[in-house]
């Protein structure tokens, strides 16, 4: 099946209709969940109370959550079919001070949901509760798994760890969404292929004989060497890597010395390298190591390079993207837009290394307030995007519920 062969289904199909009815009765409760999560954010791998709250709500609906060893959980809904589809939400917050001024602002100093994970969590929780009710009415013909993943926001992220726990066993397709403050509420951004970028961290420590700045020829000038790395390495990348892959190196920290007339004995530079091409991401480390060696060699200094692999790009497959787009159009034929590829990273990519799936961009700007941005203290998603996200995923369930050919490998 191709993206052009969009999966057709009646917009008033059973699961979507049941979820819409459920939202009519429970929307105030859903909004209250979101406000609670937003007011009580927890950092990566510290989402203890968030996990407890999610589990409590799920149990109150007759569901049996499966707890992960530290934080996070998953829950299965509907029949225990050998093939299931999954939805993933990230539940952690960021070390950022909130300045939105909203009535449910973070009560934890220096920690806030600045990336919309409170919205993601609430959408997944609402979907689980609505589908639980639909299951009691016999409306589900396939099994559904919902994953509440911890620690998306750190380099040693949660996705690989929960995958090792077996969350993808029996899963044929997996879906996620991400709040997008650049899109108005009700709009859904979709994209076939890479929708995010890979992001790795690079640190170079340079050492050499220091000395008086009046005699630099008697030193291995560490500051000069660091400056060469910062200026030459990004430029050299453009001659070694295809520029169409959007591969970019940016340095964010440089540290060396204290006195203006003394050349230090050591210093460091730290930066990130991002690429939109998964093959470049897999092969770029030795290329970069070779370039650093060529830059440092003429100075006589020594260096130590630390390269920390981050996440690959999220690469949406065509069938899963078509499912998301079709579900969105069933809600509003004008709601679907082409999402640009983000230069940010997302560890949902690790799931797509194992099973096909797709991530959508969920518009969360109310059209009135100033546009915030992700990872900033003024980021506040419009809560009216939450029922949109729940209904979007309900439509995905409908399309798998009624179309057995969706389970075929694209």
Protein backbone atom coordinates (compact mmCIF):
# COMPACT_ATOMS: atom_id res chain seq x y z
CA UNK A 1 0.00 0.00 0.00
CA UNK A 2 1.29 3.49 -0.81
CA UNK A 3 0.61 6.93 0.60
CA UNK A 4 -1.46 7.64 -2.52
CA UNK A 5 -3.73 4.75 -1.63
CA UNK A 6 -5.22 6.47 1.40
CA UNK A 7 -7.12 4.17 3.73
CA UNK A 8 -10.81 4.97 3.49
CA UNK A 9 -13.25 4.71 6.33
CA UNK A 10 -16.59 6.25 7.27
CA UNK A 11 -15.86 9.41 9.31
CA UNK A 12 -18.77 8.43 11.56
CA UNK A 13 -17.31 4.97 12.21
CA UNK A 14 -17.91 3.27 15.51
CA UNK A 15 -14.78 3.97 17.52
CA UNK A 16 -14.53 7.61 16.47
CA UNK A 17 -18.19 8.16 17.30
CA UNK A 18 -17.82 6.47 20.69
CA UNK A 19 -14.73 8.51 21.53
CA UNK A 20 -16.45 11.73 20.47
CA UNK A 21 -19.39 10.89 22.75
CA UNK A 22 -17.00 10.06 25.59
CA UNK A 23 -15.30 13.43 25.20
CA UNK A 24 -18.64 15.21 25.39
CA UNK A 25 -19.15 13.72 28.85
CA UNK A 26 -15.57 13.82 30.13
CA UNK A 27 -13.87 16.86 28.60
CA UNK A 28 -13.80 18.87 31.85
CA UNK A 29 -12.14 15.92 33.56
CA UNK A 30 -9.61 15.61 30.76
CA UNK A 31 -8.72 19.30 31.04
CA UNK A 32 -8.29 18.87 34.78
CA UNK A 33 -5.79 16.05 34.20
CA UNK A 34 -3.78 18.31 31.91
CA UNK A 35 -3.76 21.15 34.42
CA UNK A 36 -2.61 18.78 37.15
CA UNK A 37 0.25 17.42 35.04
CA UNK A 38 1.26 20.95 34.04
CA UNK A 39 1.25 22.19 37.63
CA UNK A 40 3.26 19.20 38.88
CA UNK A 41 6.04 18.60 36.33
CA UNK A 42 8.79 16.07 36.98
CA UNK A 43 12.19 15.80 35.35
CA UNK A 44 13.40 12.83 33.30
CA UNK A 45 13.54 9.55 35.24
CA UNK A 46 11.91 11.30 38.21
CA UNK A 47 8.30 11.05 36.99
CA UNK A 48 7.16 9.12 40.07
CA UNK A 49 3.98 11.05 40.91
CA UNK A 50 3.09 11.44 37.24
CA UNK A 51 3.32 7.67 36.82
CA UNK A 52 1.19 7.07 39.92
CA UNK A 53 -1.46 9.51 38.72
CA UNK A 54 -1.69 7.91 35.29
CA UNK A 55 -1.90 4.42 36.78
CA UNK A 56 -4.60 5.51 39.22
CA UNK A 57 -6.80 6.90 36.46
CA UNK A 58 -6.32 3.80 34.32
CA UNK A 59 -7.23 1.48 37.18
CA UNK A 60 -10.35 3.52 37.89
CA UNK A 61 -11.48 2.61 34.35
CA UNK A 62 -10.97 -1.09 34.93
CA UNK A 63 -7.65 -1.25 33.11
CA UNK A 64 -4.51 -3.01 34.31
CA UNK A 65 -1.40 -0.89 33.75
CA UNK A 66 1.97 -2.59 33.52
CA UNK A 67 4.51 -0.55 35.44
CA UNK A 68 8.07 -0.05 34.21
CA UNK A 69 10.88 -0.68 36.74
CA UNK A 70 11.39 2.96 37.74
CA UNK A 71 8.96 5.34 36.07
CA UNK A 72 6.55 5.08 33.17
CA UNK A 73 4.05 2.38 32.27
CA UNK A 74 1.99 0.87 29.49
CA UNK A 75 -1.51 -0.48 29.20
CA UNK A 76 -3.21 -2.87 26.78
CA UNK A 77 -6.82 -2.28 25.78
CA UNK A 78 -9.28 -4.42 23.85
CA UNK A 79 -8.91 -8.00 22.62
CA UNK A 80 -5.61 -9.80 23.01
CA UNK A 81 -4.99 -10.08 19.28
CA UNK A 82 -1.59 -11.33 18.07
CA UNK A 83 -1.15 -8.07 16.18
CA UNK A 84 -1.63 -4.74 17.94
CA UNK A 85 -1.05 -1.08 17.24
CA UNK A 86 0.56 1.25 19.75
CA UNK A 87 0.49 4.89 20.74
CA UNK A 88 3.33 6.51 22.65
CA UNK A 89 3.35 9.58 24.90
CA UNK A 90 6.34 11.09 26.71
CA UNK A 91 5.73 12.20 30.30
CA UNK A 92 8.81 14.12 31.49
CA UNK A 93 9.36 17.86 31.93
CA UNK A 94 12.30 20.24 31.47
CA UNK A 95 14.61 22.16 33.85
CA UNK A 96 13.12 25.53 32.81
CA UNK A 97 11.50 28.24 34.94
CA UNK A 98 7.91 28.86 33.84
CA UNK A 99 6.76 32.41 33.17
CA UNK A 100 3.39 31.85 31.50
CA UNK A 101 1.45 33.32 34.43
CA UNK A 102 -1.37 30.81 33.90
CA UNK A 103 -3.55 29.69 36.81
CA UNK A 104 -2.12 26.16 36.71
CA UNK A 105 1.54 27.13 36.28
CA UNK A 106 4.27 24.85 37.56
CA UNK A 107 4.46 24.62 41.33
CA UNK A 108 8.01 23.25 41.12
CA UNK A 109 10.63 26.01 40.84
CA UNK A 110 12.87 25.60 37.82
CA UNK A 111 10.85 22.77 36.27
CA UNK A 112 8.06 23.04 33.71
CA UNK A 113 6.31 21.30 30.85
CA UNK A 114 7.86 23.49 28.16
CA UNK A 115 7.65 20.88 25.39
CA UNK A 116 4.00 19.91 25.59
CA UNK A 117 4.48 16.57 27.31
CA UNK A 118 1.61 17.42 29.68
CA UNK A 119 -0.59 17.57 26.57
CA UNK A 120 0.88 14.36 25.11
CA UNK A 121 0.30 12.53 28.41
CA UNK A 122 -3.28 13.77 28.70
CA UNK A 123 -4.11 12.79 25.12
CA UNK A 124 -2.81 9.26 25.68
CA UNK A 125 -4.64 8.99 28.99
CA UNK A 126 -7.88 10.26 27.50
CA UNK A 127 -7.53 7.88 24.56
CA UNK A 128 -6.98 4.95 26.93
CA UNK A 129 -10.07 5.77 28.98
CA UNK A 130 -12.25 6.36 25.94
CA UNK A 131 -11.09 3.14 24.28
CA UNK A 132 -11.66 1.21 27.51
CA UNK A 133 -15.30 2.22 27.35
CA UNK A 134 -15.47 1.42 23.64
CA UNK A 135 -14.03 -2.03 24.36
CA UNK A 136 -16.83 -2.81 26.82
CA UNK A 137 -19.26 -2.18 23.96
CA UNK A 138 -17.43 -4.64 21.72
CA UNK A 139 -16.22 -1.95 19.34
CA UNK A 140 -12.56 -2.98 19.22
CA UNK A 141 -11.49 -5.84 16.96
CA UNK A 142 -7.76 -5.23 17.49
CA UNK A 143 -5.60 -4.82 20.55
CA UNK A 144 -4.31 -1.37 21.46
CA UNK A 145 -1.19 -0.63 23.51
CA UNK A 146 -0.54 2.80 24.99
CA UNK A 147 2.99 3.56 26.19
CA UNK A 148 3.67 6.32 28.72
CA UNK A 149 7.40 6.75 28.27
CA UNK A 150 9.75 8.46 30.73
CA UNK A 151 12.90 10.46 30.01
CA UNK A 152 12.49 11.69 26.45
CA UNK A 153 14.35 14.92 27.17
CA UNK A 154 17.79 13.52 28.05
CA UNK A 155 20.58 12.06 25.93
CA UNK A 156 20.33 8.70 27.69
CA UNK A 157 16.67 8.69 26.78
CA UNK A 158 13.88 6.40 27.84
CA UNK A 159 12.84 4.89 24.51
CA UNK A 160 15.67 2.33 24.16
CA UNK A 161 15.14 1.24 27.74
CA UNK A 162 11.41 0.61 27.43
CA UNK A 163 11.93 -1.10 24.07
CA UNK A 164 14.25 -3.53 25.86
CA UNK A 165 11.35 -4.27 28.22
CA UNK A 166 9.38 -5.67 25.28
CA UNK A 167 6.84 -2.90 24.68
CA UNK A 168 6.96 -3.54 20.92
CA UNK A 169 6.25 -7.27 21.10
CA UNK A 170 3.29 -7.95 18.81
CA UNK A 171 3.15 -4.32 17.63
CA UNK A 172 2.79 -3.80 13.88
CA UNK A 173 2.55 0.01 13.81
CA UNK A 174 3.17 2.77 16.34
CA UNK A 175 2.02 6.39 16.42
CA UNK A 176 2.85 9.56 18.31
CA UNK A 177 2.24 13.27 18.08
CA UNK A 178 4.05 16.39 19.18
CA UNK A 179 2.55 19.71 20.22
CA UNK A 180 3.38 22.42 17.69
CA UNK A 181 2.91 26.05 18.83
CA UNK A 182 3.52 27.32 15.30
CA UNK A 183 0.30 25.66 14.11
CA UNK A 184 -3.17 26.78 15.09
CA UNK A 185 -5.28 24.41 17.18
CA UNK A 186 -7.13 22.02 14.91
CA UNK A 187 -4.34 21.78 12.36
CA UNK A 188 -2.34 18.58 11.91
CA UNK A 189 1.11 18.55 10.33
CA UNK A 190 2.13 15.35 8.53
CA UNK A 191 5.21 14.37 6.58
CA UNK A 192 6.40 11.20 4.86
CA UNK A 193 10.05 10.47 5.61
CA UNK A 194 12.16 12.30 8.19
CA UNK A 195 10.16 14.76 10.29
CA UNK A 196 12.89 15.40 12.90
CA UNK A 197 16.69 15.34 12.81
CA UNK A 198 19.41 13.36 14.50
CA UNK A 199 21.31 15.12 17.24
CA UNK A 200 24.70 14.12 18.71
CA UNK A 201 26.96 15.88 21.22
CA UNK A 202 30.65 16.51 20.55
CA UNK A 203 33.29 17.60 23.07
CA UNK A 204 36.95 18.21 22.26
CA UNK A 205 39.48 18.66 25.06
CA UNK A 206 42.74 20.22 23.89
CA UNK A 207 45.99 20.14 25.91
CA UNK A 208 49.43 21.58 25.29
CA UNK A 209 52.32 23.38 26.86
CA UNK A 210 51.13 26.74 28.11
CA UNK A 211 53.17 29.84 28.69
CA UNK A 212 53.45 33.60 28.46
CA UNK A 213 51.50 35.21 25.64
CA UNK A 214 54.64 37.06 24.58
CA UNK A 215 56.20 33.73 23.55
CA UNK A 216 53.41 31.76 21.78
CA UNK A 217 56.00 30.01 19.60
CA UNK A 218 57.20 28.17 22.71
CA UNK A 219 53.72 26.80 23.44
CA UNK A 220 51.13 24.60 21.79
CA UNK A 221 48.56 27.38 21.75
CA UNK A 222 45.41 25.81 23.18
CA UNK A 223 43.19 28.85 22.65
CA UNK A 224 44.24 29.17 19.02
CA UNK A 225 43.61 25.46 18.50
CA UNK A 226 40.15 25.66 20.05
CA UNK A 227 39.33 28.64 17.84
CA UNK A 228 40.42 26.69 14.76
CA UNK A 229 38.13 23.81 15.74
CA UNK A 230 35.16 26.13 16.28
CA UNK A 231 35.59 27.91 12.95
CA UNK A 232 37.06 25.24 10.67
CA UNK A 233 35.12 22.13 11.67
CA UNK A 234 31.64 23.39 10.65
CA UNK A 235 33.10 24.71 7.39
CA UNK A 236 34.89 21.45 6.58
CA UNK A 237 31.67 19.52 7.15
CA UNK A 238 30.12 21.33 4.19
CA UNK A 239 32.91 19.91 2.00
CA UNK A 240 32.62 16.35 3.27
CA UNK A 241 28.85 15.95 3.73
CA UNK A 242 26.15 16.54 1.12
CA UNK A 243 24.55 19.90 2.04
CA UNK A 244 21.14 18.55 1.00
CA UNK A 245 21.18 16.41 4.15
CA UNK A 246 20.89 19.53 6.35
CA UNK A 247 23.91 18.53 8.41
CA UNK A 248 24.92 21.34 10.77
CA UNK A 249 27.58 21.66 13.48
CA UNK A 250 27.08 24.35 16.13
CA UNK A 251 29.28 24.98 19.17
CA UNK A 252 27.62 26.20 22.34
CA UNK A 253 30.48 26.29 24.86
CA UNK A 254 34.19 27.11 24.85
CA UNK A 255 36.30 27.22 27.99
CA UNK A 256 40.01 27.97 28.35
CA UNK A 257 42.20 30.03 30.64
CA UNK A 258 41.58 33.09 32.79
CA UNK A 259 44.41 35.60 32.25
CA UNK A 260 44.79 37.74 29.11
CA UNK A 261 48.57 37.31 29.07
CA UNK A 262 48.83 33.57 29.75
CA UNK A 263 48.26 30.77 27.27
CA UNK A 264 46.51 27.96 29.22
CA UNK A 265 47.51 24.33 29.21
CA UNK A 266 44.05 22.99 28.43
CA UNK A 267 40.61 23.95 27.22
CA UNK A 268 37.42 22.44 25.83
CA UNK A 269 34.78 23.10 23.22
CA UNK A 270 31.32 21.52 23.23
CA UNK A 271 28.74 21.47 20.50
CA UNK A 272 26.06 19.53 18.70
CA UNK A 273 25.92 18.02 15.26
CA UNK A 274 22.52 17.58 13.65
CA UNK A 275 21.49 15.92 10.42
CA UNK A 276 18.25 15.13 8.69
CA UNK A 277 19.65 12.05 6.98
CA UNK A 278 19.76 8.77 8.86
CA UNK A 279 22.59 7.36 6.72
CA UNK A 280 24.73 10.42 7.44
CA UNK A 281 23.95 10.03 11.14
CA UNK A 282 25.14 6.44 11.08
CA UNK A 283 28.41 7.26 9.31
CA UNK A 284 29.43 10.75 10.39
CA UNK A 285 31.43 10.03 13.56
CA UNK A 286 34.63 8.76 11.87
CA UNK A 287 34.42 11.60 9.34
CA UNK A 288 34.32 14.16 12.13
CA UNK A 289 37.13 12.44 14.03
CA UNK A 290 39.32 12.60 10.92
CA UNK A 291 38.62 16.32 10.46
CA UNK A 292 39.42 17.18 14.08
CA UNK A 293 42.74 15.36 13.76
CA UNK A 294 43.62 17.33 10.63
CA UNK A 295 42.77 20.64 12.31
CA UNK A 296 44.75 20.00 15.50
CA UNK A 297 47.86 18.37 13.99
CA UNK A 298 49.63 21.53 12.71
CA UNK A 299 49.40 23.20 16.15
CA UNK A 300 51.33 20.48 17.97
CA UNK A 301 48.64 20.25 20.65
CA UNK A 302 47.07 17.04 21.91
CA UNK A 303 43.34 16.41 22.00
CA UNK A 304 40.70 14.04 23.29
CA UNK A 305 37.40 13.80 21.40
CA UNK A 306 34.23 12.58 23.09
CA UNK A 307 31.37 11.79 20.73
CA UNK A 308 28.00 10.98 22.31
CA UNK A 309 25.40 9.49 19.99
CA UNK A 310 21.95 10.97 20.48
CA UNK A 311 18.89 9.89 18.53
CA UNK A 312 18.33 9.14 14.84
CA UNK A 313 15.74 11.11 12.87
CA UNK A 314 12.08 10.18 13.18
CA UNK A 315 11.37 8.66 9.75
CA UNK A 316 7.63 8.35 9.06
CA UNK A 317 6.59 5.53 6.76
CA UNK A 318 4.12 6.31 4.00
CA UNK A 319 1.26 4.04 5.09
CA UNK A 320 1.26 5.25 8.69
CA UNK A 321 1.43 8.86 7.54
CA UNK A 322 -1.52 8.25 5.21
CA UNK A 323 -3.49 6.82 8.13
CA UNK A 324 -2.83 9.93 10.23
CA UNK A 325 -3.72 12.26 7.37
CA UNK A 326 -6.92 10.36 6.58
CA UNK A 327 -7.96 10.46 10.24
CA UNK A 328 -7.31 14.20 10.40
CA UNK A 329 -9.29 14.89 7.23
CA UNK A 330 -12.23 12.94 8.64
CA UNK A 331 -12.40 15.55 11.42
CA UNK A 332 -11.81 18.52 9.11
CA UNK A 333 -10.94 18.26 5.40
CA UNK A 334 -8.88 21.46 5.68
CA UNK A 335 -6.90 20.44 8.77
CA UNK A 336 -3.90 18.72 7.17
CA UNK A 337 -0.73 20.63 6.30
CA UNK A 338 2.72 19.53 5.20
CA UNK A 339 5.03 19.63 8.22
CA UNK A 340 8.59 20.85 7.68
CA UNK A 341 11.45 18.71 8.91
CA UNK A 342 12.50 19.90 12.35
CA UNK A 343 16.16 20.25 13.28
CA UNK A 344 15.31 19.02 16.77
CA UNK A 345 15.60 15.43 17.94
CA UNK A 346 12.95 13.03 19.27
CA UNK A 347 13.53 9.58 20.72
CA UNK A 348 10.32 8.26 19.14
CA UNK A 349 12.77 7.48 16.34
CA UNK A 350 14.04 4.43 18.24
CA UNK A 351 10.62 2.75 18.00
CA UNK A 352 10.64 3.27 14.24
CA UNK A 353 13.94 1.41 14.02
CA UNK A 354 11.87 -1.70 14.91
CA UNK A 355 8.34 -1.18 13.54
CA UNK A 356 6.76 1.18 11.02
CA UNK A 357 4.87 4.18 12.28
CA UNK A 358 4.56 7.94 12.17
CA UNK A 359 4.53 11.10 14.27
CA UNK A 360 2.24 14.05 13.55
CA UNK A 361 2.53 17.70 14.55
CA UNK A 362 -0.46 18.79 16.64
CA UNK A 363 -1.34 22.47 16.36
CA UNK A 364 -1.63 24.02 19.83
CA UNK A 365 -1.72 27.79 19.24
CA UNK A 366 -5.05 29.41 20.14
CA UNK A 367 -4.70 32.10 17.47
CA UNK A 368 -5.00 34.90 20.02
CA UNK A 369 -2.10 34.83 22.47
CA UNK A 370 1.48 35.48 21.34
CA UNK A 371 3.05 32.38 19.86
CA UNK A 372 5.31 30.65 22.35
CA UNK A 373 7.97 28.17 21.41
CA UNK A 374 9.13 24.79 22.61
CA UNK A 375 11.70 24.70 25.41
CA UNK A 376 10.94 28.27 26.47
CA UNK A 377 9.42 29.54 29.70
CA UNK A 378 6.41 31.03 27.92
CA UNK A 379 5.38 27.80 26.19
CA UNK A 380 1.71 27.10 26.97
CA UNK A 381 -0.27 24.81 24.70
CA UNK A 382 -3.93 25.56 24.08
CA UNK A 383 -5.81 22.82 25.93
CA UNK A 384 -8.38 22.67 23.14
CA UNK A 385 -5.80 20.74 21.11
CA UNK A 386 -6.24 17.80 23.50
CA UNK A 387 -9.61 16.55 22.18
CA UNK A 388 -8.23 17.02 18.66
CA UNK A 389 -5.34 14.70 19.49
CA UNK A 390 -7.60 12.12 21.13
CA UNK A 391 -9.94 12.10 18.14
CA UNK A 392 -7.00 11.91 15.72
CA UNK A 393 -5.78 8.73 17.39
CA UNK A 394 -9.32 7.34 17.63
CA UNK A 395 -9.54 7.70 13.86
CA UNK A 396 -6.30 5.75 13.52
CA UNK A 397 -7.84 2.95 15.60
CA UNK A 398 -10.89 2.95 13.33
CA UNK A 399 -8.80 2.53 10.23
CA UNK A 400 -6.92 -0.45 11.64
CA UNK A 401 -10.13 -1.81 13.15
CA UNK A 402 -11.80 -2.01 9.75
CA UNK A 403 -8.94 -2.52 7.28
CA UNK A 404 -6.97 -5.72 7.65
CA UNK A 405 -4.68 -4.77 4.75
CA UNK A 406 -3.17 -2.01 6.89
CA UNK A 407 -1.33 -4.73 8.79
CA UNK A 408 0.54 -5.73 5.65
CA UNK A 409 4.15 -4.61 5.44
CA UNK A 410 4.33 -1.52 3.19
